[in-house]
Amino acid sequence: MFAKKCPSCGVRLGNFLYADACPHCHEVLKCNLPMQGTFHAKVAKAKSWPVRVFFSIRDLVEA
């Protein structure tokens, strides 16, 4: 996933392993860029009533 060497100039990245661009030739390292797709956040679903009761009792005891 992360390049150990720059594909254009071949310089070892070393401490710049997670860099977005090569520190030597300043070419963009496409393999180090975040994924271009859209991420869907998980929507919190309503919990069943026994789970809600359990957590409300737990919160009451901890308070």
Protein backbone atom coordinates (compact mmCIF):
# COMPACT_ATOMS: atom_id res chain seq x y z
CA MET A 1 0.00 0.00 0.00
CA PHE A 2 2.73 2.49 0.91
CA ALA A 3 5.66 2.79 -1.45
CA LYS A 4 9.15 2.17 -0.04
CA LYS A 5 10.76 3.83 -3.05
CA CYS A 6 9.60 6.62 -5.31
CA PRO A 7 8.41 5.09 -8.60
CA SER A 8 9.67 8.03 -10.68
CA CYS A 9 13.16 8.66 -9.27
CA GLY A 10 13.79 5.55 -7.15
CA VAL A 11 14.85 7.39 -3.98
CA ARG A 12 14.15 5.50 -0.76
CA LEU A 13 11.49 7.30 1.21
CA GLY A 14 12.76 6.34 4.69
CA ASN A 15 11.12 8.71 7.18
CA PHE A 16 8.79 9.97 4.43
CA LEU A 17 7.18 6.55 3.97
CA TYR A 18 3.65 7.98 4.39
CA ALA A 19 4.26 11.18 2.39
CA ASP A 20 1.89 12.31 -0.34
CA ALA A 21 4.78 13.45 -2.54
CA CYS A 22 8.42 12.43 -2.96
CA PRO A 23 10.75 14.75 -0.99
CA HIS A 24 13.38 14.50 -3.76
CA CYS A 25 11.52 14.93 -7.07
CA HIS A 26 8.19 16.21 -5.58
CA GLU A 27 6.16 13.82 -7.73
CA VAL A 28 2.80 12.80 -6.23
CA LEU A 29 2.87 9.25 -4.84
CA LYS A 30 -0.51 7.93 -5.99
CA CYS A 31 -0.18 4.77 -3.89
CA ASN A 32 0.08 6.89 -0.70
CA LEU A 33 -2.96 9.04 -1.40
CA PRO A 34 -6.21 8.22 0.42
CA MET A 35 -8.82 6.28 -1.49
CA GLN A 36 -10.83 8.43 -3.86
CA GLY A 37 -14.17 6.72 -3.21
CA THR A 38 -16.84 8.12 -1.00
CA PHE A 39 -17.21 6.64 2.43
CA HIS A 40 -20.60 5.96 3.90
CA ALA A 41 -20.83 6.55 7.60
CA LYS A 42 -22.68 3.87 9.48
CA VAL A 43 -25.97 5.15 10.77
CA ALA A 44 -26.68 4.32 14.39
CA LYS A 45 -29.66 2.04 14.49
CA ALA A 46 -32.23 2.01 17.23
CA LYS A 47 -31.31 -0.60 19.82
CA SER A 48 -33.81 -3.07 21.14
CA TRP A 49 -35.50 -2.18 24.42
CA PRO A 50 -33.53 -4.67 26.60
CA VAL A 51 -30.27 -3.14 25.41
CA ARG A 52 -31.51 0.39 26.08
CA VAL A 53 -32.68 -0.64 29.58
CA PHE A 54 -29.33 -2.26 30.34
CA PHE A 55 -27.36 0.81 29.29
CA SER A 56 -29.69 3.21 31.14
CA ILE A 57 -29.28 1.16 34.32
CA ARG A 58 -25.52 1.05 33.81
CA ASP A 59 -25.40 4.83 33.33
CA LEU A 60 -27.54 5.33 36.44
CA VAL A 61 -25.22 3.15 38.54
CA GLU A 62 -22.08 4.88 37.22
CA ALA A 63 -23.47 8.37 37.89
